[in-house]
């Protein structure tokens, strides 16, 4: 079962950061957020035939965000926390992740395409030195079954999925 997260609209994100920040790093989670986005947009979760479990739905959302924020005049970089490293909220002692692979880029703000626990993990990863803004809303839990197609893509079966809304 995944935390069911929906992305905040681009215009709302732009309103939040315009006039405060210019250099933006967006970090996407390959865990629950990827599963939520896969369900929302009818995209694969990943491809199990490839060596790395690339979070396909999160990467697609990051591309949209990068394009929209760049068009709005921001200097943007994106990165994904890969599924084979668990999720942003499941950090392991001694196991490090390069949160900003763009070593020549110093962001003024980080947008977390994640749940609140992922935001916390990012804040800890940057020693609370850079503001982190979560750009999703958690509205419940997503219980689902998945299947693999003939090409190795893992999909959420919408007929075997239930959303348990927070009330």
Protein backbone atom coordinates (compact mmCIF):
# COMPACT_ATOMS: atom_id res chain seq x y z
CA UNK A 1 0.00 0.00 0.00
CA UNK A 2 1.34 3.40 -0.99
CA UNK A 3 0.73 6.87 0.40
CA UNK A 4 -1.54 8.35 -2.29
CA UNK A 5 -0.14 11.70 -3.36
CA UNK A 6 -1.35 14.11 -6.00
CA UNK A 7 0.93 16.76 -7.51
CA UNK A 8 0.33 20.43 -6.78
CA UNK A 9 -0.51 22.44 -9.90
CA UNK A 10 2.40 24.18 -11.61
CA UNK A 11 0.81 27.63 -11.30
CA UNK A 12 0.54 27.19 -7.53
CA UNK A 13 4.20 26.17 -7.33
CA UNK A 14 5.28 29.17 -9.41
CA UNK A 15 3.25 31.52 -7.19
CA UNK A 16 4.93 30.04 -4.10
CA UNK A 17 8.52 30.51 -5.33
CA UNK A 18 8.39 33.51 -7.71
CA UNK A 19 10.28 36.51 -6.36
CA UNK A 20 11.94 34.40 -3.64
CA UNK A 21 14.09 31.91 -5.54
CA UNK A 22 15.65 31.64 -8.99
CA UNK A 23 17.73 28.43 -8.85
CA UNK A 24 15.49 25.42 -8.27
CA UNK A 25 16.34 21.75 -7.72
CA UNK A 26 13.42 19.32 -7.98
CA UNK A 27 13.92 15.91 -6.36
CA UNK A 28 11.41 13.18 -7.15
CA UNK A 29 10.82 10.02 -5.15
CA UNK A 30 10.70 6.61 -6.80
CA UNK A 31 8.49 5.12 -4.08
CA UNK A 32 4.88 5.98 -3.25
CA UNK A 33 4.89 9.18 -5.31
CA UNK A 34 5.96 7.24 -8.39
CA UNK A 35 3.18 4.70 -7.79
CA UNK A 36 0.62 7.48 -7.31
CA UNK A 37 1.69 9.25 -10.50
CA UNK A 38 1.65 5.96 -12.42
CA UNK A 39 -1.95 5.41 -11.30
CA UNK A 40 -3.06 9.01 -11.98
CA UNK A 41 -1.50 9.23 -15.47
CA UNK A 42 -1.80 5.55 -16.49
CA UNK A 43 1.96 5.17 -16.86
CA UNK A 44 4.21 2.22 -16.01
CA UNK A 45 5.78 2.16 -12.56
CA UNK A 46 9.10 0.84 -13.90
CA UNK A 47 10.60 -1.67 -16.29
CA UNK A 48 11.76 -4.77 -14.46
CA UNK A 49 13.88 -6.01 -17.38
CA UNK A 50 16.38 -3.17 -17.07
CA UNK A 51 19.26 -3.17 -14.60
CA UNK A 52 18.06 -0.13 -12.68
CA UNK A 53 14.46 0.23 -11.51
CA UNK A 54 13.83 3.63 -13.09
CA UNK A 55 10.74 5.38 -11.66
CA UNK A 56 9.04 6.09 -14.99
CA UNK A 57 6.04 8.08 -13.73
CA UNK A 58 8.13 10.31 -11.47
CA UNK A 59 10.56 11.00 -14.32
CA UNK A 60 7.67 12.00 -16.59
CA UNK A 61 6.38 14.43 -13.93
CA UNK A 62 9.88 15.86 -13.44
CA UNK A 63 10.13 16.53 -17.18
CA UNK A 64 6.83 18.44 -17.07
CA UNK A 65 7.95 20.44 -14.04
CA UNK A 66 11.34 21.26 -15.53
CA UNK A 67 9.75 22.43 -18.77
CA UNK A 68 7.09 24.54 -17.03
CA UNK A 69 9.44 26.11 -14.49
CA UNK A 70 12.06 26.85 -17.15
CA UNK A 71 9.40 28.49 -19.34
CA UNK A 72 8.45 30.62 -16.31
CA UNK A 73 12.05 31.89 -16.10
CA UNK A 74 13.56 29.68 -13.39
CA UNK A 75 16.96 27.96 -13.59
CA UNK A 76 15.98 24.33 -12.93
CA UNK A 77 17.65 20.96 -12.41
CA UNK A 78 15.91 17.69 -11.58
CA UNK A 79 16.88 14.33 -10.18
CA UNK A 80 15.10 11.18 -9.07
CA UNK A 81 15.68 9.04 -6.04
CA UNK A 82 15.76 5.60 -7.73
CA UNK A 83 13.51 2.74 -6.63
CA UNK A 84 16.41 0.34 -6.23
CA UNK A 85 17.58 2.59 -3.38
CA UNK A 86 14.18 2.14 -1.69
CA UNK A 87 12.41 5.48 -1.29
CA UNK A 88 13.36 8.87 0.11
CA UNK A 89 11.68 7.99 3.41
CA UNK A 90 13.56 4.68 3.81
CA UNK A 91 17.11 5.84 4.26
CA UNK A 92 19.55 3.29 5.63
CA UNK A 93 22.39 4.02 8.02
CA UNK A 94 25.66 4.30 6.10
CA UNK A 95 23.96 4.20 2.68
CA UNK A 96 24.36 7.59 1.06
CA UNK A 97 22.68 9.14 -1.95
CA UNK A 98 23.92 12.08 -3.97
CA UNK A 99 20.83 14.29 -3.63
CA UNK A 100 22.24 16.84 -6.07
CA UNK A 101 24.09 15.17 -8.94
CA UNK A 102 24.45 18.60 -10.58
CA UNK A 103 27.66 19.44 -8.71
CA UNK A 104 28.07 22.81 -10.42
CA UNK A 105 24.53 23.88 -9.43
CA UNK A 106 23.76 25.40 -6.04
CA UNK A 107 19.99 25.58 -5.60
CA UNK A 108 18.27 28.31 -3.60
CA UNK A 109 15.27 26.05 -2.99
CA UNK A 110 14.45 22.36 -3.37
CA UNK A 111 11.04 21.17 -4.50
CA UNK A 112 10.22 17.73 -3.12
CA UNK A 113 8.03 15.59 -5.36
CA UNK A 114 7.44 13.28 -2.42
CA UNK A 115 5.44 12.64 0.73
CA UNK A 116 6.25 14.50 3.99
CA UNK A 117 8.72 11.78 5.02
CA UNK A 118 10.61 12.27 1.75
CA UNK A 119 10.73 16.01 2.40
CA UNK A 120 12.20 15.29 5.85
CA UNK A 121 14.83 13.03 4.31
CA UNK A 122 15.84 15.73 1.82
CA UNK A 123 16.07 18.33 4.59
CA UNK A 124 18.32 15.99 6.55
CA UNK A 125 20.41 15.24 3.43
CA UNK A 126 21.12 18.94 3.00
CA UNK A 127 21.60 19.56 6.75
CA UNK A 128 18.63 21.98 6.73
CA UNK A 129 20.73 24.56 4.83
CA UNK A 130 18.38 24.91 1.82
CA UNK A 131 14.60 25.45 2.04
CA UNK A 132 12.57 22.40 0.94
CA UNK A 133 9.00 22.76 -0.31
CA UNK A 134 6.82 19.68 -0.75
CA UNK A 135 4.91 19.86 -4.04
CA UNK A 136 2.38 17.08 -3.45
CA UNK A 137 -0.74 16.63 -1.35
CA UNK A 138 -1.39 13.39 0.44
CA UNK A 139 -5.04 12.40 0.24
CA UNK A 140 -5.07 8.77 1.30
CA UNK A 141 -3.59 5.37 0.61
CA UNK A 142 -3.38 3.53 -2.70
CA UNK A 143 -3.86 -0.22 -2.45
CA UNK A 144 -3.15 -1.97 -5.75
CA UNK A 145 -2.03 -5.05 -7.60
CA UNK A 146 0.49 -4.70 -10.39
CA UNK A 147 1.32 -6.76 -13.43
CA UNK A 148 4.15 -6.96 -15.96
CA UNK A 149 3.53 -6.68 -19.68
CA UNK A 150 5.47 -8.60 -22.33
CA UNK A 151 8.16 -5.88 -22.49
CA UNK A 152 8.85 -5.95 -18.76
CA UNK A 153 6.97 -2.78 -17.83
CA UNK A 154 5.28 -2.96 -14.44
CA UNK A 155 1.78 -1.44 -14.42
CA UNK A 156 -0.86 -0.78 -11.78
CA UNK A 157 -4.05 -2.74 -12.47
CA UNK A 158 -6.79 -0.10 -12.12
CA UNK A 159 -9.48 -2.74 -11.71
CA UNK A 160 -7.68 -4.12 -8.66
CA UNK A 161 -6.95 -0.75 -7.08
CA UNK A 162 -8.66 1.04 -4.23
CA UNK A 163 -8.01 4.49 -2.83
CA UNK A 164 -8.59 4.89 0.90
CA UNK A 165 -9.13 8.63 1.38
CA UNK A 166 -8.14 10.35 4.58
CA UNK A 167 -11.21 11.57 6.41
